[in-house]
Amino acid sequence: MKVSFSFITIIIGFMLAVQFQTIKEPVVRDTRDMWELREDLKKAQQLHSELMTEISKYEEKLVKYDSERNDSKHVILQETLEELREASGLTEVKGPGIILTVERAYNEFSMPGENISADILRRLINELNSYEAKEISIDGHRVINTTVIREIQRTTKIDSYPIRNLPFEIKVISDDPEKLYNRMQASNAIEEFFVENLRLIVSKPIDEITIPPYEDTIRVKHMEPMKSEKGGI
């Protein structure tokens, strides 16, 4: 019991000594004289001046960046306009693809003056779109989302342009022209064209095809500019 009591007492005394040493604050005296204090103050003032200069420089940069960002709005709008023109088909595009040539079959059932029907042409365009064609032109005329293929007085027209002469070409740009070529080789469109006394010839993939821009005016219906909110755009 005495040994245990002595041991516990030693531990408690050691802990108290450590705690006292920890909370004891050493007394530090400032032994600097007046000249040393003035020199230290001068250094602090110099450091403060340098920091203020740096802050001013960065503030000027922020103002400049804000100004450039405001000026760049016109550039951003111009870039957006060009992107919209390209997406709408108003610019010339180039890329890999295939060329389909439509010509007369010259079989015994062909009739002079026969023309391609609008229905078979629409089915072909729908099939090309289902094969992920990116851009299409028919007889040199760009096909876009609003393009109308119709027959007026026995003449098939692409929008307002008639197709009167055979042969003519259908140019197609695709991300995978080899795949598009293989699908068109196995397509029923070749037989459908032959039934109409026409031959549909599918070219092998071409590295670069040029498709012209859409020539007509795009008319937007049922849309009007949104009125700006107060203090907004």
C-alpha atoms as a PDB file:
ATOM      1  CA  MET A   1       0.000   0.000   0.000  1.00  0.00           C
ATOM      2  CA  LYS A   2       2.828   2.359   0.947  1.00  0.00           C
ATOM      3  CA  VAL A   3       4.669   1.635  -2.301  1.00  0.00           C
ATOM      4  CA  SER A   4       1.505   2.219  -4.365  1.00  0.00           C
ATOM      5  CA  PHE A   5       0.732   5.443  -2.535  1.00  0.00           C
ATOM      6  CA  SER A   6       4.283   6.705  -3.053  1.00  0.00           C
ATOM      7  CA  PHE A   7       4.178   5.839  -6.758  1.00  0.00           C
ATOM      8  CA  ILE A   8       0.850   7.650  -7.303  1.00  0.00           C
ATOM      9  CA  THR A   9       2.173  10.682  -5.409  1.00  0.00           C
ATOM     10  CA  ILE A  10       5.247  10.887  -7.622  1.00  0.00           C
ATOM     11  CA  ILE A  11       3.105  10.717 -10.776  1.00  0.00           C
ATOM     12  CA  ILE A  12       0.779  13.472  -9.541  1.00  0.00           C
ATOM     13  CA  GLY A  13       3.750  15.651  -8.592  1.00  0.00           C
ATOM     14  CA  PHE A  14       5.332  15.145 -12.018  1.00  0.00           C
ATOM     15  CA  MET A  15       2.081  16.077 -13.787  1.00  0.00           C
ATOM     16  CA  LEU A  16       1.715  19.231 -11.677  1.00  0.00           C
ATOM     17  CA  ALA A  17       5.297  20.239 -12.466  1.00  0.00           C
ATOM     18  CA  VAL A  18       4.732  19.763 -16.225  1.00  0.00           C
ATOM     19  CA  GLN A  19       1.476  21.745 -16.122  1.00  0.00           C
ATOM     20  CA  PHE A  20       3.115  24.585 -14.199  1.00  0.00           C
ATOM     21  CA  GLN A  21       5.998  24.723 -16.671  1.00  0.00           C
ATOM     22  CA  THR A  22       3.573  24.801 -19.602  1.00  0.00           C
ATOM     23  CA  ILE A  23       1.450  27.736 -18.405  1.00  0.00           C
ATOM     24  CA  LYS A  24       4.383  29.700 -17.109  1.00  0.00           C
ATOM     25  CA  GLU A  25       4.995  32.654 -19.451  1.00  0.00           C
ATOM     26  CA  PRO A  26       8.588  33.681 -19.886  1.00  0.00           C
ATOM     27  CA  VAL A  27       9.350  37.315 -19.334  1.00  0.00           C
ATOM     28  CA  VAL A  28      10.878  38.818 -22.507  1.00  0.00           C
ATOM     29  CA  ARG A  29      12.251  42.272 -22.247  1.00  0.00           C
ATOM     30  CA  ASP A  30      12.561  44.544 -25.256  1.00  0.00           C
ATOM     31  CA  THR A  31      16.165  45.662 -25.179  1.00  0.00           C
ATOM     32  CA  ARG A  32      16.004  47.772 -28.349  1.00  0.00           C
ATOM     33  CA  ASP A  33      16.922  51.455 -28.049  1.00  0.00           C
ATOM     34  CA  MET A  34      15.172  54.424 -29.700  1.00  0.00           C
ATOM     35  CA  TRP A  35      17.221  54.270 -32.914  1.00  0.00           C
ATOM     36  CA  GLU A  36      16.532  50.567 -33.403  1.00  0.00           C
ATOM     37  CA  LEU A  37      12.813  51.152 -32.851  1.00  0.00           C
ATOM     38  CA  ARG A  38      12.831  53.943 -35.444  1.00  0.00           C
ATOM     39  CA  GLU A  39      14.672  51.731 -37.907  1.00  0.00           C
ATOM     40  CA  ASP A  40      12.158  48.925 -37.424  1.00  0.00           C
ATOM     41  CA  LEU A  41       9.295  51.386 -37.869  1.00  0.00           C
ATOM     42  CA  LYS A  42      10.846  52.659 -41.080  1.00  0.00           C
ATOM     43  CA  LYS A  43      11.116  49.098 -42.411  1.00  0.00           C
ATOM     44  CA  ALA A  44       7.474  48.417 -41.515  1.00  0.00           C
ATOM     45  CA  GLN A  45       6.390  51.614 -43.285  1.00  0.00           C
ATOM     46  CA  GLN A  46       8.424  50.638 -46.369  1.00  0.00           C
ATOM     47  CA  LEU A  47       6.804  47.201 -46.395  1.00  0.00           C
ATOM     48  CA  HIS A  48       3.354  48.804 -46.079  1.00  0.00           C
ATOM     49  CA  SER A  49       4.116  51.103 -49.023  1.00  0.00           C
ATOM     50  CA  GLU A  50       5.236  48.178 -51.176  1.00  0.00           C
ATOM     51  CA  LEU A  51       2.104  46.201 -50.325  1.00  0.00           C
ATOM     52  CA  MET A  52      -0.138  49.171 -51.219  1.00  0.00           C
ATOM     53  CA  THR A  53       1.691  49.512 -54.558  1.00  0.00           C
ATOM     54  CA  GLU A  54       1.114  45.825 -55.302  1.00  0.00           C
ATOM     55  CA  ILE A  55      -2.572  46.118 -54.395  1.00  0.00           C
ATOM     56  CA  SER A  56      -2.960  49.146 -56.662  1.00  0.00           C
ATOM     57  CA  LYS A  57      -1.266  47.291 -59.532  1.00  0.00           C
ATOM     58  CA  TYR A  58      -3.591  44.302 -59.223  1.00  0.00           C
ATOM     59  CA  GLU A  59      -6.645  46.562 -59.003  1.00  0.00           C
ATOM     60  CA  GLU A  60      -5.606  48.179 -62.282  1.00  0.00           C
ATOM     61  CA  LYS A  61      -5.289  44.716 -63.832  1.00  0.00           C
ATOM     62  CA  LEU A  62      -8.794  43.804 -62.660  1.00  0.00           C
ATOM     63  CA  VAL A  63     -10.207  46.977 -64.231  1.00  0.00           C
ATOM     64  CA  LYS A  64      -8.357  46.188 -67.455  1.00  0.00           C
ATOM     65  CA  TYR A  65      -9.657  42.610 -67.493  1.00  0.00           C
ATOM     66  CA  ASP A  66     -13.230  43.808 -66.950  1.00  0.00           C
ATOM     67  CA  SER A  67     -12.843  46.288 -69.812  1.00  0.00           C
ATOM     68  CA  GLU A  68     -11.429  43.630 -72.139  1.00  0.00           C
ATOM     69  CA  ARG A  69     -14.226  41.269 -71.178  1.00  0.00           C
ATOM     70  CA  ASN A  70     -16.826  43.913 -72.078  1.00  0.00           C
ATOM     71  CA  ASP A  71     -15.071  44.595 -75.377  1.00  0.00           C
ATOM     72  CA  SER A  72     -14.899  40.872 -76.126  1.00  0.00           C
ATOM     73  CA  LYS A  73     -18.696  40.624 -76.003  1.00  0.00           C
ATOM     74  CA  HIS A  74     -18.756  41.833 -79.613  1.00  0.00           C
ATOM     75  CA  VAL A  75     -16.237  39.162 -80.568  1.00  0.00           C
ATOM     76  CA  ILE A  76     -18.275  36.497 -78.753  1.00  0.00           C
ATOM     77  CA  LEU A  77     -21.463  37.650 -80.491  1.00  0.00           C
ATOM     78  CA  GLN A  78     -19.713  37.552 -83.862  1.00  0.00           C
ATOM     79  CA  GLU A  79     -18.420  34.042 -83.195  1.00  0.00           C
ATOM     80  CA  THR A  80     -21.895  32.947 -82.092  1.00  0.00           C
ATOM     81  CA  LEU A  81     -23.396  34.451 -85.242  1.00  0.00           C
ATOM     82  CA  GLU A  82     -20.940  32.532 -87.414  1.00  0.00           C
ATOM     83  CA  GLU A  83     -21.744  29.308 -85.555  1.00  0.00           C
ATOM     84  CA  LEU A  84     -25.465  29.895 -86.099  1.00  0.00           C
ATOM     85  CA  ARG A  85     -24.899  30.643 -89.793  1.00  0.00           C
ATOM     86  CA  GLU A  86     -22.971  27.416 -90.163  1.00  0.00           C
ATOM     87  CA  ALA A  87     -25.592  25.409 -88.265  1.00  0.00           C
ATOM     88  CA  SER A  88     -28.323  26.948 -90.443  1.00  0.00           C
ATOM     89  CA  GLY A  89     -26.560  25.986 -93.660  1.00  0.00           C
ATOM     90  CA  LEU A  90     -25.687  29.541 -94.729  1.00  0.00           C
ATOM     91  CA  THR A  91     -21.975  28.839 -95.139  1.00  0.00           C
ATOM     92  CA  GLU A  92     -20.012  26.571 -97.450  1.00  0.00           C
ATOM     93  CA  VAL A  93     -18.887  23.342 -95.822  1.00  0.00           C
ATOM     94  CA  LYS A  94     -16.273  20.771 -96.724  1.00  0.00           C
ATOM     95  CA  GLY A  95     -15.714  17.268 -95.461  1.00  0.00           C
ATOM     96  CA  PRO A  96     -15.482  13.583 -96.341  1.00  0.00           C
ATOM     97  CA  GLY A  97     -18.472  11.849 -97.858  1.00  0.00           C
ATOM     98  CA  ILE A  98     -19.982  10.240-100.948  1.00  0.00           C
ATOM     99  CA  ILE A  99     -21.648  11.418-104.153  1.00  0.00           C
ATOM    100  CA  LEU A 100     -24.852   9.863-105.484  1.00  0.00           C
ATOM    101  CA  THR A 101     -25.454  10.283-109.205  1.00  0.00           C
ATOM    102  CA  VAL A 102     -29.000  10.056-110.547  1.00  0.00           C
ATOM    103  CA  GLU A 103     -29.256   9.316-114.260  1.00  0.00           C
ATOM    104  CA  ARG A 104     -31.692   7.758-116.669  1.00  0.00           C
ATOM    105  CA  ALA A 105     -31.733   3.965-116.749  1.00  0.00           C
ATOM    106  CA  TYR A 106     -32.495   3.815-120.475  1.00  0.00           C
ATOM    107  CA  ASN A 107     -34.443   0.602-120.259  1.00  0.00           C
ATOM    108  CA  GLU A 108     -37.255  -0.352-122.579  1.00  0.00           C
ATOM    109  CA  PHE A 109     -39.867   1.214-120.312  1.00  0.00           C
ATOM    110  CA  SER A 110     -38.322   4.679-120.149  1.00  0.00           C
ATOM    111  CA  MET A 111     -40.301   7.541-121.573  1.00  0.00           C
ATOM    112  CA  PRO A 112     -38.851  10.747-123.067  1.00  0.00           C
ATOM    113  CA  GLY A 113     -39.147  13.745-120.777  1.00  0.00           C
ATOM    114  CA  GLU A 114     -39.604  11.668-117.634  1.00  0.00           C
ATOM    115  CA  ASN A 115     -38.589  13.442-114.440  1.00  0.00           C
ATOM    116  CA  ILE A 116     -37.648  12.229-110.966  1.00  0.00           C
ATOM    117  CA  SER A 117     -40.606  12.238-108.598  1.00  0.00           C
ATOM    118  CA  ALA A 118     -40.567  14.320-105.441  1.00  0.00           C
ATOM    119  CA  ASP A 119     -41.700  11.349-103.369  1.00  0.00           C
ATOM    120  CA  ILE A 120     -38.741   9.081-104.203  1.00  0.00           C
ATOM    121  CA  LEU A 121     -36.341  11.992-103.647  1.00  0.00           C
ATOM    122  CA  ARG A 122     -37.842  12.714-100.220  1.00  0.00           C
ATOM    123  CA  ARG A 123     -37.527   9.043 -99.252  1.00  0.00           C
ATOM    124  CA  LEU A 124     -33.863   9.071-100.279  1.00  0.00           C
ATOM    125  CA  ILE A 125     -33.122  12.190 -98.207  1.00  0.00           C
ATOM    126  CA  ASN A 126     -34.891  10.684 -95.195  1.00  0.00           C
ATOM    127  CA  GLU A 127     -32.855   7.520 -95.584  1.00  0.00           C
ATOM    128  CA  LEU A 128     -29.592   9.495 -95.781  1.00  0.00           C
ATOM    129  CA  ASN A 129     -30.548  11.395 -92.632  1.00  0.00           C
ATOM    130  CA  SER A 130     -31.287   8.126 -90.854  1.00  0.00           C
ATOM    131  CA  TYR A 131     -27.736   7.067 -91.773  1.00  0.00           C
ATOM    132  CA  GLU A 132     -26.437  10.180 -89.939  1.00  0.00           C
ATOM    133  CA  ALA A 133     -25.634  12.326 -92.956  1.00  0.00           C
ATOM    134  CA  LYS A 134     -24.337  15.701 -91.793  1.00  0.00           C
ATOM    135  CA  GLU A 135     -24.848  17.868 -94.886  1.00  0.00           C
ATOM    136  CA  ILE A 136     -26.638  17.246 -98.183  1.00  0.00           C
ATOM    137  CA  SER A 137     -26.954  19.078-101.468  1.00  0.00           C
ATOM    138  CA  ILE A 138     -29.141  18.145-104.450  1.00  0.00           C
ATOM    139  CA  ASP A 139     -28.121  19.323-107.905  1.00  0.00           C
ATOM    140  CA  GLY A 140     -25.964  22.047-106.317  1.00  0.00           C
ATOM    141  CA  HIS A 141     -28.670  23.245-103.889  1.00  0.00           C
ATOM    142  CA  ARG A 142     -28.184  22.916-100.144  1.00  0.00           C
ATOM    143  CA  VAL A 143     -30.717  20.899 -98.168  1.00  0.00           C
ATOM    144  CA  ILE A 144     -31.527  22.309 -94.720  1.00  0.00           C
ATOM    145  CA  ASN A 145     -34.220  21.681 -92.113  1.00  0.00           C
ATOM    146  CA  THR A 146     -36.724  23.961 -93.850  1.00  0.00           C
ATOM    147  CA  THR A 147     -36.077  22.642 -97.370  1.00  0.00           C
ATOM    148  CA  VAL A 148     -39.239  21.630 -99.229  1.00  0.00           C
ATOM    149  CA  ILE A 149     -39.154  18.981-101.951  1.00  0.00           C
ATOM    150  CA  ARG A 150     -42.366  19.058-103.921  1.00  0.00           C
ATOM    151  CA  GLU A 151     -43.785  18.551-107.403  1.00  0.00           C
ATOM    152  CA  ILE A 152     -45.364  21.531-109.164  1.00  0.00           C
ATOM    153  CA  GLN A 153     -46.874  21.066-112.624  1.00  0.00           C
ATOM    154  CA  ARG A 154     -45.015  17.750-113.068  1.00  0.00           C
ATOM    155  CA  THR A 155     -41.686  19.379-112.183  1.00  0.00           C
ATOM    156  CA  THR A 156     -39.889  18.424-108.988  1.00  0.00           C
ATOM    157  CA  LYS A 157     -38.460  21.403-107.127  1.00  0.00           C
ATOM    158  CA  ILE A 158     -35.961  21.779-104.295  1.00  0.00           C
ATOM    159  CA  ASP A 159     -37.443  24.822-102.557  1.00  0.00           C
ATOM    160  CA  SER A 160     -37.819  27.112-105.597  1.00  0.00           C
ATOM    161  CA  TYR A 161     -35.251  25.416-107.863  1.00  0.00           C
ATOM    162  CA  PRO A 162     -36.551  22.916-110.442  1.00  0.00           C
ATOM    163  CA  ILE A 163     -34.743  19.693-111.337  1.00  0.00           C
ATOM    164  CA  ARG A 164     -35.180  19.359-115.089  1.00  0.00           C
ATOM    165  CA  ASN A 165     -31.942  17.843-116.294  1.00  0.00           C
ATOM    166  CA  LEU A 166     -30.518  14.374-115.765  1.00  0.00           C
ATOM    167  CA  PRO A 167     -28.014  13.342-114.617  1.00  0.00           C
ATOM    168  CA  PHE A 168     -27.539  15.320-111.389  1.00  0.00           C
ATOM    169  CA  GLU A 169     -25.553  14.745-108.226  1.00  0.00           C
ATOM    170  CA  ILE A 170     -26.500  14.418-104.581  1.00  0.00           C
ATOM    171  CA  LYS A 171     -23.500  15.226-102.379  1.00  0.00           C
ATOM    172  CA  VAL A 172     -23.446  13.927 -98.825  1.00  0.00           C
ATOM    173  CA  ILE A 173     -20.947  14.758 -96.059  1.00  0.00           C
ATOM    174  CA  SER A 174     -20.645  12.232 -93.258  1.00  0.00           C
ATOM    175  CA  ASP A 175     -18.417  11.565 -90.247  1.00  0.00           C
ATOM    176  CA  ASP A 176     -18.123   7.954 -91.412  1.00  0.00           C
ATOM    177  CA  PRO A 177     -18.336   7.909 -95.235  1.00  0.00           C
ATOM    178  CA  GLU A 178     -17.216   4.267 -95.438  1.00  0.00           C
ATOM    179  CA  LYS A 179     -20.156   3.171 -93.291  1.00  0.00           C
ATOM    180  CA  LEU A 180     -22.532   5.362 -95.295  1.00  0.00           C
ATOM    181  CA  TYR A 181     -21.219   3.889 -98.553  1.00  0.00           C
ATOM    182  CA  ASN A 182     -21.776   0.311 -97.343  1.00  0.00           C
ATOM    183  CA  ARG A 183     -25.307   1.113 -96.190  1.00  0.00           C
ATOM    184  CA  MET A 184     -26.214   2.734 -99.496  1.00  0.00           C
ATOM    185  CA  GLN A 185     -24.829  -0.249-101.402  1.00  0.00           C
ATOM    186  CA  ALA A 186     -27.266  -2.467 -99.490  1.00  0.00           C
ATOM    187  CA  SER A 187     -30.138   0.025 -99.646  1.00  0.00           C
ATOM    188  CA  ASN A 188     -33.444  -0.607-101.379  1.00  0.00           C
ATOM    189  CA  ALA A 189     -33.188   2.888-102.853  1.00  0.00           C
ATOM    190  CA  ILE A 190     -31.216   1.570-105.848  1.00  0.00           C
ATOM    191  CA  GLU A 191     -34.068  -0.779-106.786  1.00  0.00           C
ATOM    192  CA  GLU A 192     -36.699   1.906-106.123  1.00  0.00           C
ATOM    193  CA  PHE A 193     -34.924   4.297-108.461  1.00  0.00           C
ATOM    194  CA  PHE A 194     -34.649   1.595-111.113  1.00  0.00           C
ATOM    195  CA  VAL A 195     -38.401   1.013-110.928  1.00  0.00           C
ATOM    196  CA  GLU A 196     -38.752   4.730-111.735  1.00  0.00           C
ATOM    197  CA  ASN A 197     -36.501   4.195-114.771  1.00  0.00           C
ATOM    198  CA  LEU A 198     -33.605   5.883-112.994  1.00  0.00           C
ATOM    199  CA  ARG A 199     -30.172   4.653-112.003  1.00  0.00           C
ATOM    200  CA  LEU A 200     -28.713   5.598-108.602  1.00  0.00           C
ATOM    201  CA  ILE A 201     -24.925   5.336-108.656  1.00  0.00           C
ATOM    202  CA  VAL A 202     -23.082   5.462-105.320  1.00  0.00           C
ATOM    203  CA  SER A 203     -19.498   6.681-105.438  1.00  0.00           C
ATOM    204  CA  LYS A 204     -16.776   5.339-103.180  1.00  0.00           C
ATOM    205  CA  PRO A 205     -15.871   7.496-100.147  1.00  0.00           C
ATOM    206  CA  ILE A 206     -14.210  10.796-101.070  1.00  0.00           C
ATOM    207  CA  ASP A 207     -11.798  12.615 -98.771  1.00  0.00           C
ATOM    208  CA  GLU A 208     -13.263  16.068 -99.348  1.00  0.00           C
ATOM    209  CA  ILE A 209     -16.600  17.185-100.731  1.00  0.00           C
ATOM    210  CA  THR A 210     -17.712  20.803-101.012  1.00  0.00           C
ATOM    211  CA  ILE A 211     -21.348  21.651-100.366  1.00  0.00           C
ATOM    212  CA  PRO A 212     -22.513  25.189-101.178  1.00  0.00           C
ATOM    213  CA  PRO A 213     -24.412  27.445 -98.762  1.00  0.00           C
ATOM    214  CA  TYR A 214     -28.187  27.746 -98.762  1.00  0.00           C
ATOM    215  CA  GLU A 215     -29.180  30.360-101.335  1.00  0.00           C
ATOM    216  CA  ASP A 216     -32.729  31.342-100.395  1.00  0.00           C
ATOM    217  CA  THR A 217     -33.841  33.572 -97.538  1.00  0.00           C
ATOM    218  CA  ILE A 218     -34.735  31.667 -94.381  1.00  0.00           C
ATOM    219  CA  ARG A 219     -38.153  32.841 -93.275  1.00  0.00           C
ATOM    220  CA  VAL A 220     -38.961  32.377 -89.602  1.00  0.00           C
ATOM    221  CA  LYS A 221     -42.633  32.233 -88.669  1.00  0.00           C
ATOM    222  CA  HIS A 222     -44.407  32.351 -85.325  1.00  0.00           C
ATOM    223  CA  MET A 223     -41.420  34.000 -83.611  1.00  0.00           C
ATOM    224  CA  GLU A 224     -40.817  37.525 -82.370  1.00  0.00           C
ATOM    225  CA  PRO A 225     -38.064  39.241 -80.360  1.00  0.00           C
ATOM    226  CA  MET A 226     -38.422  38.956 -76.596  1.00  0.00           C
ATOM    227  CA  LYS A 227     -38.832  42.252 -74.783  1.00  0.00           C
ATOM    228  CA  SER A 228     -35.965  43.046 -72.434  1.00  0.00           C
ATOM    229  CA  GLU A 229     -36.568  43.259 -68.730  1.00  0.00           C
ATOM    230  CA  LYS A 230     -35.849  46.372 -66.763  1.00  0.00           C
ATOM    231  CA  GLY A 231     -32.157  46.543 -66.083  1.00  0.00           C
ATOM    232  CA  GLY A 232     -31.575  43.314 -67.985  1.00  0.00           C
ATOM    233  CA  ILE A 233     -30.853  42.185 -71.493  1.00  0.00           C
END
